Amino acid sequence: MKKIPKFKTDEEAARFWATHSFEEYYKDTKHAEIRFVKRPKKTVAIRLDPDDIKSVEVIAERKGLSYTALLRMWIKEYLAKEAKHTA
């Protein structure tokens, strides 16, 4: 088995793995324990037009998401965009 080289940047690692197979290097890895902490959410009630909800449901279904997950995603994207403009 080959040894995984040391990478100076994420881009260097990405270029390497784009042209190499992990199968040749897997014995040079260790198991990692990863834990994800789910941050608590706060419930917010908003009133939306039923036609708007239907439109979001259709888009969400095409994307394989629940409509509430899609709305949360859109809100996060908009907040990130606004944060860039106000920084």
C-alpha atoms as a PDB file:
ATOM      1  CA  MET A   1       0.000   0.000   0.000  1.00  0.00           C
ATOM      2  CA  LYS A   2       1.093   3.536  -0.770  1.00  0.00           C
ATOM      3  CA  LYS A   3       1.418   6.289   1.856  1.00  0.00           C
ATOM      4  CA  ILE A   4      -0.785   9.364   1.622  1.00  0.00           C
ATOM      5  CA  PRO A   5       1.407  12.419   0.960  1.00  0.00           C
ATOM      6  CA  LYS A   6       1.340  15.498   3.203  1.00  0.00           C
ATOM      7  CA  PHE A   7      -0.613  18.347   1.611  1.00  0.00           C
ATOM      8  CA  LYS A   8       0.090  22.033   2.165  1.00  0.00           C
ATOM      9  CA  THR A   9      -3.361  23.199   1.083  1.00  0.00           C
ATOM     10  CA  ASP A  10      -6.855  21.818   0.585  1.00  0.00           C
ATOM     11  CA  GLU A  11      -6.525  22.628  -3.116  1.00  0.00           C
ATOM     12  CA  GLU A  12      -3.383  20.486  -3.347  1.00  0.00           C
ATOM     13  CA  ALA A  13      -5.221  17.616  -1.644  1.00  0.00           C
ATOM     14  CA  ALA A  14      -8.207  18.043  -3.978  1.00  0.00           C
ATOM     15  CA  ARG A  15      -5.956  17.878  -7.058  1.00  0.00           C
ATOM     16  CA  PHE A  16      -4.263  14.753  -5.711  1.00  0.00           C
ATOM     17  CA  TRP A  17      -7.505  12.901  -4.922  1.00  0.00           C
ATOM     18  CA  ALA A  18      -8.996  13.916  -8.282  1.00  0.00           C
ATOM     19  CA  THR A  19      -6.310  11.810  -9.974  1.00  0.00           C
ATOM     20  CA  HIS A  20      -5.694   9.012  -7.429  1.00  0.00           C
ATOM     21  CA  SER A  21      -7.824   6.184  -6.078  1.00  0.00           C
ATOM     22  CA  PHE A  22      -8.431   5.904  -2.345  1.00  0.00           C
ATOM     23  CA  GLU A  23      -8.216   2.101  -2.738  1.00  0.00           C
ATOM     24  CA  GLU A  24      -4.447   2.423  -3.089  1.00  0.00           C
ATOM     25  CA  TYR A  25      -4.132   4.360   0.187  1.00  0.00           C
ATOM     26  CA  TYR A  26      -6.846   3.132   2.561  1.00  0.00           C
ATOM     27  CA  LYS A  27      -4.437   1.154   4.779  1.00  0.00           C
ATOM     28  CA  ASP A  28      -2.631   4.424   5.562  1.00  0.00           C
ATOM     29  CA  THR A  29      -5.763   5.795   7.291  1.00  0.00           C
ATOM     30  CA  LYS A  30      -7.159   5.591  10.816  1.00  0.00           C
ATOM     31  CA  HIS A  31     -10.743   5.335  12.005  1.00  0.00           C
ATOM     32  CA  ALA A  32     -12.105   8.635  13.242  1.00  0.00           C
ATOM     33  CA  GLU A  33     -14.855   9.274  15.731  1.00  0.00           C
ATOM     34  CA  ILE A  34     -17.069  12.068  14.472  1.00  0.00           C
ATOM     35  CA  ARG A  35     -19.946  13.466  16.463  1.00  0.00           C
ATOM     36  CA  PHE A  36     -22.369  16.046  15.191  1.00  0.00           C
ATOM     37  CA  VAL A  37     -24.212  18.249  17.616  1.00  0.00           C
ATOM     38  CA  LYS A  38     -27.597  19.364  16.431  1.00  0.00           C
ATOM     39  CA  ARG A  39     -28.230  22.919  17.515  1.00  0.00           C
ATOM     40  CA  PRO A  40     -31.690  23.470  18.962  1.00  0.00           C
ATOM     41  CA  LYS A  41     -34.120  25.267  16.716  1.00  0.00           C
ATOM     42  CA  LYS A  42     -36.674  27.857  17.702  1.00  0.00           C
ATOM     43  CA  THR A  43     -40.125  27.582  16.211  1.00  0.00           C
ATOM     44  CA  VAL A  44     -41.367  30.629  14.331  1.00  0.00           C
ATOM     45  CA  ALA A  45     -44.867  30.967  12.925  1.00  0.00           C
ATOM     46  CA  ILE A  46     -45.324  33.033   9.790  1.00  0.00           C
ATOM     47  CA  ARG A  47     -48.373  33.482   7.619  1.00  0.00           C
ATOM     48  CA  LEU A  48     -47.882  32.763   3.942  1.00  0.00           C
ATOM     49  CA  ASP A  49     -50.219  32.847   0.999  1.00  0.00           C
ATOM     50  CA  PRO A  50     -51.442  29.299   0.232  1.00  0.00           C
ATOM     51  CA  ASP A  51     -50.340  29.659  -3.406  1.00  0.00           C
ATOM     52  CA  ASP A  52     -46.828  30.549  -2.263  1.00  0.00           C
ATOM     53  CA  ILE A  53     -46.735  27.498  -0.006  1.00  0.00           C
ATOM     54  CA  LYS A  54     -47.869  25.292  -2.891  1.00  0.00           C
ATOM     55  CA  SER A  55     -45.129  26.733  -5.123  1.00  0.00           C
ATOM     56  CA  VAL A  56     -42.490  26.057  -2.466  1.00  0.00           C
ATOM     57  CA  GLU A  57     -43.816  22.502  -1.984  1.00  0.00           C
ATOM     58  CA  VAL A  58     -43.491  21.814  -5.720  1.00  0.00           C
ATOM     59  CA  ILE A  59     -39.922  23.159  -5.842  1.00  0.00           C
ATOM     60  CA  ALA A  60     -38.972  21.285  -2.675  1.00  0.00           C
ATOM     61  CA  GLU A  61     -40.352  18.013  -4.022  1.00  0.00           C
ATOM     62  CA  ARG A  62     -38.269  18.399  -7.204  1.00  0.00           C
ATOM     63  CA  LYS A  63     -35.199  18.922  -5.010  1.00  0.00           C
ATOM     64  CA  GLY A  64     -36.048  15.989  -2.734  1.00  0.00           C
ATOM     65  CA  LEU A  65     -36.567  18.219   0.311  1.00  0.00           C
ATOM     66  CA  SER A  66     -39.385  19.056   2.651  1.00  0.00           C
ATOM     67  CA  TYR A  67     -40.800  22.502   2.023  1.00  0.00           C
ATOM     68  CA  THR A  68     -39.789  23.618   5.519  1.00  0.00           C
ATOM     69  CA  ALA A  69     -36.184  22.489   4.924  1.00  0.00           C
ATOM     70  CA  LEU A  70     -36.153  24.421   1.639  1.00  0.00           C
ATOM     71  CA  LEU A  71     -37.501  27.556   3.313  1.00  0.00           C
ATOM     72  CA  ARG A  72     -34.825  27.282   6.055  1.00  0.00           C
ATOM     73  CA  MET A  73     -32.157  26.846   3.371  1.00  0.00           C
ATOM     74  CA  TRP A  74     -33.383  29.899   1.456  1.00  0.00           C
ATOM     75  CA  ILE A  75     -33.450  32.002   4.624  1.00  0.00           C
ATOM     76  CA  LYS A  76     -29.864  30.985   5.481  1.00  0.00           C
ATOM     77  CA  GLU A  77     -28.712  31.761   1.920  1.00  0.00           C
ATOM     78  CA  TYR A  78     -30.373  35.178   1.980  1.00  0.00           C
ATOM     79  CA  LEU A  79     -28.935  35.999   5.409  1.00  0.00           C
ATOM     80  CA  ALA A  80     -25.432  35.060   4.234  1.00  0.00           C
ATOM     81  CA  LYS A  81     -25.881  37.227   1.124  1.00  0.00           C
ATOM     82  CA  GLU A  82     -27.086  40.169   3.194  1.00  0.00           C
ATOM     83  CA  ALA A  83     -24.197  39.750   5.637  1.00  0.00           C
ATOM     84  CA  LYS A  84     -21.735  40.132   2.733  1.00  0.00           C
ATOM     85  CA  HIS A  85     -23.402  43.363   1.619  1.00  0.00           C
ATOM     86  CA  THR A  86     -23.421  44.902   5.087  1.00  0.00           C
ATOM     87  CA  ALA A  87     -19.870  43.901   6.045  1.00  0.00           C
END
